[in-house]
Amino acid sequence: MKKILLALLMFLATVAANAAPLKIANVAAPAINCVFSTSCSVRVKDTKEDFTLSNGGKGVLQTRTFKGADGSPAEGLLAYEYRLDLTDAVGAKPACID
């Protein structure tokens, strides 16, 4: 067990050492589309994952990704948008995402 934990820590340290800082930009839709496409229209890939909260409530994590088109200011870069839907996260006690 200790060897597995040590191997995992070594892997994570290597990944962290190679990581580059992210550039964060405050943008609004639909203007962000023009950064990733010369026609201001992007093709997105949406995925979602349901999860259960500690109090029994439910939530949904939606991930949207799209790539910068050739000739756009963000050519070759990827955009990641995340949406957390906690509509059904109600309960008698406070909830945590486990």
PDB file of N, CA and C in Angstrom:
ATOM      1  N   MET A   1       0.817  -1.184   0.000  1.00  0.00           N
ATOM      2  CA  MET A   1       0.000   0.000   0.000  1.00  0.00           C
ATOM      3  C   MET A   1       0.872   1.264   0.000  1.00  0.00           C
ATOM      4  N   LYS A   2       1.942   1.249   0.809  1.00  0.00           N
ATOM      5  CA  LYS A   2       2.824   2.410   0.862  1.00  0.00           C
ATOM      6  C   LYS A   2       3.526   2.630  -0.471  1.00  0.00           C
ATOM      7  N   LYS A   3       3.859   1.551  -1.172  1.00  0.00           N
ATOM      8  CA  LYS A   3       4.525   1.681  -2.474  1.00  0.00           C
ATOM      9  C   LYS A   3       3.588   2.310  -3.497  1.00  0.00           C
ATOM     10  N   ILE A   4       2.312   1.926  -3.452  1.00  0.00           N
ATOM     11  CA  ILE A   4       1.334   2.495  -4.389  1.00  0.00           C
ATOM     12  C   ILE A   4       1.158   3.981  -4.109  1.00  0.00           C
ATOM     13  N   LEU A   5       1.037   4.342  -2.835  1.00  0.00           N
ATOM     14  CA  LEU A   5       0.887   5.734  -2.458  1.00  0.00           C
ATOM     15  C   LEU A   5       2.105   6.549  -2.870  1.00  0.00           C
ATOM     16  N   LEU A   6       3.295   6.010  -2.655  1.00  0.00           N
ATOM     17  CA  LEU A   6       4.516   6.700  -3.039  1.00  0.00           C
ATOM     18  C   LEU A   6       4.582   6.881  -4.558  1.00  0.00           C
ATOM     19  N   ALA A   7       4.220   5.850  -5.302  1.00  0.00           N
ATOM     20  CA  ALA A   7       4.221   5.941  -6.762  1.00  0.00           C
ATOM     21  C   ALA A   7       3.233   7.004  -7.234  1.00  0.00           C
ATOM     22  N   LEU A   8       2.066   7.069  -6.614  1.00  0.00           N
ATOM     23  CA  LEU A   8       1.066   8.069  -6.973  1.00  0.00           C
ATOM     24  C   LEU A   8       1.570   9.472  -6.675  1.00  0.00           C
ATOM     25  N   LEU A   9       2.194   9.661  -5.532  1.00  0.00           N
ATOM     26  CA  LEU A   9       2.743  10.968  -5.187  1.00  0.00           C
ATOM     27  C   LEU A   9       3.853  11.388  -6.148  1.00  0.00           C
ATOM     28  N   MET A  10       4.699  10.443  -6.538  1.00  0.00           N
ATOM     29  CA  MET A  10       5.763  10.742  -7.505  1.00  0.00           C
ATOM     30  C   MET A  10       5.164  11.162  -8.849  1.00  0.00           C
ATOM     31  N   PHE A  11       4.114  10.456  -9.275  1.00  0.00           N
ATOM     32  CA  PHE A  11       3.451  10.781 -10.538  1.00  0.00           C
ATOM     33  C   PHE A  11       2.852  12.174 -10.473  1.00  0.00           C
ATOM     34  N   LEU A  12       2.136  12.480  -9.386  1.00  0.00           N
ATOM     35  CA  LEU A  12       1.506  13.787  -9.256  1.00  0.00           C
ATOM     36  C   LEU A  12       2.541  14.902  -9.182  1.00  0.00           C
ATOM     37  N   ALA A  13       3.662  14.652  -8.541  1.00  0.00           N
ATOM     38  CA  ALA A  13       4.726  15.655  -8.471  1.00  0.00           C
ATOM     39  C   ALA A  13       5.297  15.928  -9.853  1.00  0.00           C
ATOM     40  N   THR A  14       5.442  14.887 -10.650  1.00  0.00           N
ATOM     41  CA  THR A  14       5.943  15.050 -12.015  1.00  0.00           C
ATOM     42  C   THR A  14       4.976  15.849 -12.860  1.00  0.00           C
ATOM     43  N   VAL A  15       3.693  15.528 -12.743  1.00  0.00           N
ATOM     44  CA  VAL A  15       2.669  16.250 -13.501  1.00  0.00           C
ATOM     45  C   VAL A  15       2.653  17.713 -13.095  1.00  0.00           C
ATOM     46  N   ALA A  16       2.714  17.978 -11.802  1.00  0.00           N
ATOM     47  CA  ALA A  16       2.691  19.356 -11.318  1.00  0.00           C
ATOM     48  C   ALA A  16       3.919  20.129 -11.785  1.00  0.00           C
ATOM     49  N   ALA A  17       5.057  19.478 -11.846  1.00  0.00           N
ATOM     50  CA  ALA A  17       6.286  20.150 -12.273  1.00  0.00           C
ATOM     51  C   ALA A  17       6.209  20.547 -13.740  1.00  0.00           C
ATOM     52  N   ASN A  18       5.478  19.800 -14.552  1.00  0.00           N
ATOM     53  CA  ASN A  18       5.362  20.097 -15.980  1.00  0.00           C
ATOM     54  C   ASN A  18       4.181  20.995 -16.300  1.00  0.00           C
ATOM     55  N   ALA A  19       3.359  21.313 -15.332  1.00  0.00           N
ATOM     56  CA  ALA A  19       2.164  22.108 -15.572  1.00  0.00           C
ATOM     57  C   ALA A  19       2.538  23.560 -15.829  1.00  0.00           C
ATOM     58  N   ALA A  20       1.813  24.170 -16.737  1.00  0.00           N
ATOM     59  CA  ALA A  20       1.990  25.592 -17.018  1.00  0.00           C
ATOM     60  C   ALA A  20       0.797  26.338 -16.426  1.00  0.00           C
ATOM     61  N   PRO A  21       1.000  27.564 -16.002  1.00  0.00           N
ATOM     62  CA  PRO A  21      -0.131  28.309 -15.445  1.00  0.00           C
ATOM     63  C   PRO A  21      -1.189  28.561 -16.524  1.00  0.00           C
ATOM     64  N   LEU A  22      -2.443  28.505 -16.122  1.00  0.00           N
ATOM     65  CA  LEU A  22      -3.539  28.760 -17.049  1.00  0.00           C
ATOM     66  C   LEU A  22      -3.734  30.255 -17.220  1.00  0.00           C
ATOM     67  N   LYS A  23      -4.139  30.650 -18.409  1.00  0.00           N
ATOM     68  CA  LYS A  23      -4.512  32.034 -18.656  1.00  0.00           C
ATOM     69  C   LYS A  23      -6.020  32.124 -18.493  1.00  0.00           C
ATOM     70  N   ILE A  24      -6.461  32.964 -17.592  1.00  0.00           N
ATOM     71  CA  ILE A  24      -7.889  33.114 -17.333  1.00  0.00           C
ATOM     72  C   ILE A  24      -8.334  34.450 -17.908  1.00  0.00           C
ATOM     73  N   ALA A  25      -9.424  34.410 -18.667  1.00  0.00           N
ATOM     74  CA  ALA A  25      -9.956  35.620 -19.276  1.00  0.00           C
ATOM     75  C   ALA A  25     -11.429  35.751 -18.920  1.00  0.00           C
ATOM     76  N   ASN A  26     -11.838  36.943 -18.531  1.00  0.00           N
ATOM     77  CA  ASN A  26     -13.245  37.201 -18.268  1.00  0.00           C
ATOM     78  C   ASN A  26     -13.913  37.564 -19.583  1.00  0.00           C
ATOM     79  N   VAL A  27     -14.848  36.737 -20.003  1.00  0.00           N
ATOM     80  CA  VAL A  27     -15.525  36.939 -21.282  1.00  0.00           C
ATOM     81  C   VAL A  27     -17.011  36.707 -21.102  1.00  0.00           C
ATOM     82  N   ALA A  28     -17.766  37.050 -22.140  1.00  0.00           N
ATOM     83  CA  ALA A  28     -19.204  36.825 -22.127  1.00  0.00           C
ATOM     84  C   ALA A  28     -19.615  36.209 -23.450  1.00  0.00           C
ATOM     85  N   ALA A  29     -20.667  35.429 -23.406  1.00  0.00           N
ATOM     86  CA  ALA A  29     -21.201  34.842 -24.630  1.00  0.00           C
ATOM     87  C   ALA A  29     -22.058  35.900 -25.321  1.00  0.00           C
ATOM     88  N   PRO A  30     -22.139  35.955 -26.604  1.00  0.00           N
ATOM     89  CA  PRO A  30     -21.495  35.097 -27.583  1.00  0.00           C
ATOM     90  C   PRO A  30     -20.137  35.609 -28.064  1.00  0.00           C
ATOM     91  N   ALA A  31     -19.636  36.680 -27.460  1.00  0.00           N
ATOM     92  CA  ALA A  31     -18.379  37.270 -27.925  1.00  0.00           C
ATOM     93  C   ALA A  31     -17.215  36.283 -27.850  1.00  0.00           C
ATOM     94  N   ILE A  32     -17.231  35.371 -26.889  1.00  0.00           N
ATOM     95  CA  ILE A  32     -16.142  34.391 -26.759  1.00  0.00           C
ATOM     96  C   ILE A  32     -16.024  33.539 -28.023  1.00  0.00           C
ATOM     97  N   ASN A  33     -17.137  33.301 -28.700  1.00  0.00           N
ATOM     98  CA  ASN A  33     -17.104  32.487 -29.924  1.00  0.00           C
ATOM     99  C   ASN A  33     -16.208  33.105 -30.986  1.00  0.00           C
ATOM    100  N   CYS A  34     -16.159  34.424 -31.043  1.00  0.00           N
ATOM    101  CA  CYS A  34     -15.353  35.104 -32.066  1.00  0.00           C
ATOM    102  C   CYS A  34     -13.854  34.953 -31.811  1.00  0.00           C
ATOM    103  N   VAL A  35     -13.459  34.658 -30.575  1.00  0.00           N
ATOM    104  CA  VAL A  35     -12.050  34.421 -30.264  1.00  0.00           C
ATOM    105  C   VAL A  35     -11.626  33.061 -30.807  1.00  0.00           C
ATOM    106  N   PHE A  36     -12.553  32.100 -30.827  1.00  0.00           N
ATOM    107  CA  PHE A  36     -12.244  30.736 -31.236  1.00  0.00           C
ATOM    108  C   PHE A  36     -12.656  30.421 -32.663  1.00  0.00           C
ATOM    109  N   SER A  37     -13.319  31.340 -33.343  1.00  0.00           N
ATOM    110  CA  SER A  37     -13.764  31.084 -34.711  1.00  0.00           C
ATOM    111  C   SER A  37     -13.861  32.391 -35.476  1.00  0.00           C
ATOM    112  N   THR A  38     -13.375  32.399 -36.703  1.00  0.00           N
ATOM    113  CA  THR A  38     -13.461  33.605 -37.524  1.00  0.00           C
ATOM    114  C   THR A  38     -14.903  33.907 -37.923  1.00  0.00           C
ATOM    115  N   SER A  39     -15.786  32.917 -37.908  1.00  0.00           N
ATOM    116  CA  SER A  39     -17.197  33.132 -38.232  1.00  0.00           C
ATOM    117  C   SER A  39     -18.035  33.377 -36.971  1.00  0.00           C
ATOM    118  N   CYS A  40     -17.396  33.405 -35.816  1.00  0.00           N
ATOM    119  CA  CYS A  40     -18.053  33.597 -34.515  1.00  0.00           C
ATOM    120  C   CYS A  40     -19.053  32.489 -34.195  1.00  0.00           C
ATOM    121  N   SER A  41     -18.809  31.312 -34.721  1.00  0.00           N
ATOM    122  CA  SER A  41     -19.650  30.146 -34.452  1.00  0.00           C
ATOM    123  C   SER A  41     -18.731  28.974 -34.137  1.00  0.00           C
ATOM    124  N   VAL A  42     -18.975  28.303 -33.010  1.00  0.00           N
ATOM    125  CA  VAL A  42     -18.120  27.194 -32.608  1.00  0.00           C
ATOM    126  C   VAL A  42     -18.922  25.907 -32.529  1.00  0.00           C
ATOM    127  N   ARG A  43     -18.234  24.808 -32.768  1.00  0.00           N
ATOM    128  CA  ARG A  43     -18.825  23.474 -32.604  1.00  0.00           C
ATOM    129  C   ARG A  43     -18.359  22.961 -31.253  1.00  0.00           C
ATOM    130  N   VAL A  44     -19.320  22.679 -30.381  1.00  0.00           N
ATOM    131  CA  VAL A  44     -18.993  22.294 -29.014  1.00  0.00           C
ATOM    132  C   VAL A  44     -19.204  20.807 -28.796  1.00  0.00           C
ATOM    133  N   LYS A  45     -18.535  20.297 -27.766  1.00  0.00           N
ATOM    134  CA  LYS A  45     -18.755  18.930 -27.307  1.00  0.00           C
ATOM    135  C   LYS A  45     -19.207  19.034 -25.857  1.00  0.00           C
ATOM    136  N   ASP A  46     -20.425  18.567 -25.588  1.00  0.00           N
ATOM    137  CA  ASP A  46     -20.976  18.606 -24.237  1.00  0.00           C
ATOM    138  C   ASP A  46     -20.978  17.211 -23.627  1.00  0.00           C
ATOM    139  N   THR A  47     -20.592  17.146 -22.370  1.00  0.00           N
ATOM    140  CA  THR A  47     -20.721  15.911 -21.599  1.00  0.00           C
ATOM    141  C   THR A  47     -21.306  16.290 -20.249  1.00  0.00           C
ATOM    142  N   LYS A  48     -21.943  15.319 -19.590  1.00  0.00           N
ATOM    143  CA  LYS A  48     -22.464  15.597 -18.257  1.00  0.00           C
ATOM    144  C   LYS A  48     -22.318  14.369 -17.393  1.00  0.00           C
ATOM    145  N   GLU A  49     -22.221  14.615 -16.114  1.00  0.00           N
ATOM    146  CA  GLU A  49     -22.060  13.541 -15.145  1.00  0.00           C
ATOM    147  C   GLU A  49     -22.930  13.861 -13.926  1.00  0.00           C
ATOM    148  N   ASP A  50     -23.806  12.929 -13.560  1.00  0.00           N
ATOM    149  CA  ASP A  50     -24.614  13.072 -12.359  1.00  0.00           C
ATOM    150  C   ASP A  50     -23.785  12.655 -11.149  1.00  0.00           C
ATOM    151  N   PHE A  51     -24.038  13.289 -10.016  1.00  0.00           N
ATOM    152  CA  PHE A  51     -23.359  12.896  -8.790  1.00  0.00           C
ATOM    153  C   PHE A  51     -24.308  13.057  -7.613  1.00  0.00           C
ATOM    154  N   THR A  52     -23.998  12.341  -6.539  1.00  0.00           N
ATOM    155  CA  THR A  52     -24.821  12.359  -5.340  1.00  0.00           C
ATOM    156  C   THR A  52     -24.115  13.152  -4.253  1.00  0.00           C
ATOM    157  N   LEU A  53     -24.879  13.968  -3.558  1.00  0.00           N
ATOM    158  CA  LEU A  53     -24.349  14.751  -2.457  1.00  0.00           C
ATOM    159  C   LEU A  53     -24.423  13.962  -1.163  1.00  0.00           C
ATOM    160  N   SER A  54     -23.703  14.420  -0.161  1.00  0.00           N
ATOM    161  CA  SER A  54     -23.648  13.705   1.110  1.00  0.00           C
ATOM    162  C   SER A  54     -25.000  13.630   1.813  1.00  0.00           C
ATOM    163  N   ASN A  55     -25.910  14.568   1.515  1.00  0.00           N
ATOM    164  CA  ASN A  55     -27.224  14.550   2.156  1.00  0.00           C
ATOM    165  C   ASN A  55     -28.267  13.805   1.318  1.00  0.00           C
ATOM    166  N   GLY A  56     -27.837  13.145   0.254  1.00  0.00           N
ATOM    167  CA  GLY A  56     -28.759  12.405  -0.603  1.00  0.00           C
ATOM    168  C   GLY A  56     -29.261  13.196  -1.790  1.00  0.00           C
ATOM    169  N   GLY A  57     -29.002  14.492  -1.822  1.00  0.00           N
ATOM    170  CA  GLY A  57     -29.395  15.304  -2.967  1.00  0.00           C
ATOM    171  C   GLY A  57     -28.580  14.931  -4.193  1.00  0.00           C
ATOM    172  N   LYS A  58     -28.967  15.470  -5.329  1.00  0.00           N
ATOM    173  CA  LYS A  58     -28.287  15.141  -6.580  1.00  0.00           C
ATOM    174  C   LYS A  58     -27.820  16.418  -7.268  1.00  0.00           C
ATOM    175  N   GLY A  59     -26.776  16.269  -8.058  1.00  0.00           N
ATOM    176  CA  GLY A  59     -26.252  17.369  -8.840  1.00  0.00           C
ATOM    177  C   GLY A  59     -25.794  16.873 -10.195  1.00  0.00           C
ATOM    178  N   VAL A  60     -25.559  17.822 -11.102  1.00  0.00           N
ATOM    179  CA  VAL A  60     -25.092  17.494 -12.451  1.00  0.00           C
ATOM    180  C   VAL A  60     -23.927  18.425 -12.781  1.00  0.00           C
ATOM    181  N   LEU A  61     -22.820  17.847 -13.249  1.00  0.00           N
ATOM    182  CA  LEU A  61     -21.687  18.618 -13.740  1.00  0.00           C
ATOM    183  C   LEU A  61     -21.687  18.528 -15.252  1.00  0.00           C
ATOM    184  N   GLN A  62     -21.829  19.664 -15.918  1.00  0.00           N
ATOM    185  CA  GLN A  62     -21.789  19.708 -17.382  1.00  0.00           C
ATOM    186  C   GLN A  62     -20.459  20.312 -17.800  1.00  0.00           C
ATOM    187  N   THR A  63     -19.803  19.674 -18.749  1.00  0.00           N
ATOM    188  CA  THR A  63     -18.547  20.169 -19.303  1.00  0.00           C
ATOM    189  C   THR A  63     -18.742  20.451 -20.783  1.00  0.00           C
ATOM    190  N   ARG A  64     -18.327  21.624 -21.210  1.00  0.00           N
ATOM    191  CA  ARG A  64     -18.397  21.999 -22.628  1.00  0.00           C
ATOM    192  C   ARG A  64     -16.995  22.358 -23.078  1.00  0.00           C
ATOM    193  N   THR A  65     -16.559  21.761 -24.174  1.00  0.00           N
ATOM    194  CA  THR A  65     -15.238  22.058 -24.729  1.00  0.00           C
ATOM    195  C   THR A  65     -15.371  22.441 -26.189  1.00  0.00           C
ATOM    196  N   PHE A  66     -14.467  23.286 -26.646  1.00  0.00           N
ATOM    197  CA  PHE A  66     -14.372  23.602 -28.075  1.00  0.00           C
ATOM    198  C   PHE A  66     -12.970  24.092 -28.379  1.00  0.00           C
ATOM    199  N   LYS A  67     -12.578  23.932 -29.635  1.00  0.00           N
ATOM    200  CA  LYS A  67     -11.210  24.199 -30.066  1.00  0.00           C
ATOM    201  C   LYS A  67     -11.154  25.438 -30.950  1.00  0.00           C
ATOM    202  N   GLY A  68     -10.059  26.182 -30.817  1.00  0.00           N
ATOM    203  CA  GLY A  68      -9.848  27.351 -31.658  1.00  0.00           C
ATOM    204  C   GLY A  68      -9.597  26.937 -33.106  1.00  0.00           C
ATOM    205  N   ALA A  69     -10.383  27.498 -34.020  1.00  0.00           N
ATOM    206  CA  ALA A  69     -10.287  27.164 -35.437  1.00  0.00           C
ATOM    207  C   ALA A  69      -9.066  27.825 -36.076  1.00  0.00           C
ATOM    208  N   ASP A  70      -8.653  27.282 -37.210  1.00  0.00           N
ATOM    209  CA  ASP A  70      -7.537  27.854 -37.962  1.00  0.00           C
ATOM    210  C   ASP A  70      -7.844  29.305 -38.307  1.00  0.00           C
ATOM    211  N   GLY A  71      -6.875  30.183 -38.088  1.00  0.00           N
ATOM    212  CA  GLY A  71      -7.021  31.596 -38.420  1.00  0.00           C
ATOM    213  C   GLY A  71      -7.657  32.432 -37.323  1.00  0.00           C
ATOM    214  N   SER A  72      -8.162  31.808 -36.281  1.00  0.00           N
ATOM    215  CA  SER A  72      -8.783  32.560 -35.180  1.00  0.00           C
ATOM    216  C   SER A  72      -7.708  32.998 -34.189  1.00  0.00           C
ATOM    217  N   PRO A  73      -8.004  33.997 -33.359  1.00  0.00           N
ATOM    218  CA  PRO A  73      -7.026  34.410 -32.349  1.00  0.00           C
ATOM    219  C   PRO A  73      -6.632  33.278 -31.392  1.00  0.00           C
ATOM    220  N   ALA A  74      -7.517  32.314 -31.176  1.00  0.00           N
ATOM    221  CA  ALA A  74      -7.237  31.193 -30.267  1.00  0.00           C
ATOM    222  C   ALA A  74      -6.932  29.913 -31.040  1.00  0.00           C
ATOM    223  N   GLU A  75      -6.359  30.054 -32.213  1.00  0.00           N
ATOM    224  CA  GLU A  75      -6.060  28.898 -33.060  1.00  0.00           C
ATOM    225  C   GLU A  75      -5.267  27.838 -32.281  1.00  0.00           C
ATOM    226  N   GLY A  76      -5.784  26.610 -32.303  1.00  0.00           N
ATOM    227  CA  GLY A  76      -5.110  25.496 -31.657  1.00  0.00           C
ATOM    228  C   GLY A  76      -5.312  25.396 -30.155  1.00  0.00           C
ATOM    229  N   LEU A  77      -5.941  26.385 -29.536  1.00  0.00           N
ATOM    230  CA  LEU A  77      -6.192  26.345 -28.097  1.00  0.00           C
ATOM    231  C   LEU A  77      -7.544  25.694 -27.821  1.00  0.00           C
ATOM    232  N   LEU A  78      -7.740  25.250 -26.595  1.00  0.00           N
ATOM    233  CA  LEU A  78      -9.000  24.626 -26.201  1.00  0.00           C
ATOM    234  C   LEU A  78      -9.691  25.475 -25.149  1.00  0.00           C
ATOM    235  N   ALA A  79     -11.008  25.554 -25.234  1.00  0.00           N
ATOM    236  CA  ALA A  79     -11.822  26.227 -24.218  1.00  0.00           C
ATOM    237  C   ALA A  79     -12.547  25.172 -23.409  1.00  0.00           C
ATOM    238  N   TYR A  80     -12.618  25.393 -22.113  1.00  0.00           N
ATOM    239  CA  TYR A  80     -13.327  24.484 -21.202  1.00  0.00           C
ATOM    240  C   TYR A  80     -14.312  25.326 -20.409  1.00  0.00           C
ATOM    241  N   GLU A  81     -15.578  24.975 -20.484  1.00  0.00           N
ATOM    242  CA  GLU A  81     -16.607  25.641 -19.693  1.00  0.00           C
ATOM    243  C   GLU A  81     -17.269  24.597 -18.807  1.00  0.00           C
ATOM    244  N   TYR A  82     -17.513  24.966 -17.561  1.00  0.00           N
ATOM    245  CA  TYR A  82     -18.120  24.039 -16.607  1.00  0.00           C
ATOM    246  C   TYR A  82     -19.384  24.667 -16.031  1.00  0.00           C
ATOM    247  N   ARG A  83     -20.400  23.851 -15.881  1.00  0.00           N
ATOM    248  CA  ARG A  83     -21.646  24.293 -15.267  1.00  0.00           C
ATOM    249  C   ARG A  83     -22.040  23.265 -14.214  1.00  0.00           C
ATOM    250  N   LEU A  84     -22.315  23.743 -13.016  1.00  0.00           N
ATOM    251  CA  LEU A  84     -22.715  22.879 -11.917  1.00  0.00           C
ATOM    252  C   LEU A  84     -24.186  23.161 -11.621  1.00  0.00           C
ATOM    253  N   ASP A  85     -25.043  22.165 -11.832  1.00  0.00           N
ATOM    254  CA  ASP A  85     -26.477  22.295 -11.601  1.00  0.00           C
ATOM    255  C   ASP A  85     -26.813  21.640 -10.268  1.00  0.00           C
ATOM    256  N   LEU A  86     -27.182  22.456  -9.294  1.00  0.00           N
ATOM    257  CA  LEU A  86     -27.529  21.954  -7.964  1.00  0.00           C
ATOM    258  C   LEU A  86     -29.015  22.136  -7.672  1.00  0.00           C
ATOM    259  N   THR A  87     -29.840  22.107  -8.721  1.00  0.00           N
ATOM    260  CA  THR A  87     -31.284  22.278  -8.573  1.00  0.00           C
ATOM    261  C   THR A  87     -31.877  21.263  -7.601  1.00  0.00           C
ATOM    262  N   ASP A  88     -31.432  20.018  -7.669  1.00  0.00           N
ATOM    263  CA  ASP A  88     -31.968  18.945  -6.812  1.00  0.00           C
ATOM    264  C   ASP A  88     -31.075  18.677  -5.599  1.00  0.00           C
ATOM    265  N   ALA A  89     -30.368  19.695  -5.142  1.00  0.00           N
ATOM    266  CA  ALA A  89     -29.437  19.512  -4.029  1.00  0.00           C
ATOM    267  C   ALA A  89     -30.058  19.919  -2.699  1.00  0.00           C
ATOM    268  N   VAL A  90     -31.370  19.910  -2.614  1.00  0.00           N
ATOM    269  CA  VAL A  90     -32.045  20.315  -1.387  1.00  0.00           C
ATOM    270  C   VAL A  90     -32.078  19.173  -0.391  1.00  0.00           C
ATOM    271  N   GLY A  91     -32.128  19.527   0.867  1.00  0.00           N
ATOM    272  CA  GLY A  91     -32.174  18.503   1.908  1.00  0.00           C
ATOM    273  C   GLY A  91     -32.317  19.161   3.267  1.00  0.00           C
ATOM    274  N   ALA A  92     -32.560  18.358   4.286  1.00  0.00           N
ATOM    275  CA  ALA A  92     -32.746  18.858   5.643  1.00  0.00           C
ATOM    276  C   ALA A  92     -31.440  19.328   6.265  1.00  0.00           C
ATOM    277  N   LYS A  93     -30.332  18.775   5.813  1.00  0.00           N
ATOM    278  CA  LYS A  93     -29.038  19.164   6.375  1.00  0.00           C
ATOM    279  C   LYS A  93     -28.132  19.669   5.261  1.00  0.00           C
ATOM    280  N   PRO A  94     -27.102  20.437   5.591  1.00  0.00           N
ATOM    281  CA  PRO A  94     -26.177  20.936   4.556  1.00  0.00           C
ATOM    282  C   PRO A  94     -25.536  19.773   3.790  1.00  0.00           C
ATOM    283  N   ALA A  95     -25.205  20.048   2.551  1.00  0.00           N
ATOM    284  CA  ALA A  95     -24.641  19.001   1.691  1.00  0.00           C
ATOM    285  C   ALA A  95     -23.206  19.317   1.332  1.00  0.00           C
ATOM    286  N   CYS A  96     -22.461  18.244   1.064  1.00  0.00           N
ATOM    287  CA  CYS A  96     -21.095  18.348   0.569  1.00  0.00           C
ATOM    288  C   CYS A  96     -20.992  17.506  -0.694  1.00  0.00           C
ATOM    289  N   ILE A  97     -20.138  17.928  -1.612  1.00  0.00           N
ATOM    290  CA  ILE A  97     -19.859  17.121  -2.793  1.00  0.00           C
ATOM    291  C   ILE A  97     -18.701  16.215  -2.416  1.00  0.00           C
ATOM    292  N   ASP A  98     -18.962  14.923  -2.396  1.00  0.00           N
ATOM    293  CA  ASP A  98     -17.951  13.954  -1.990  1.00  0.00           C
ATOM    294  C   ASP A  98     -17.120  13.495  -3.172  1.00  0.00           C
TER     295      ASP A  98
END
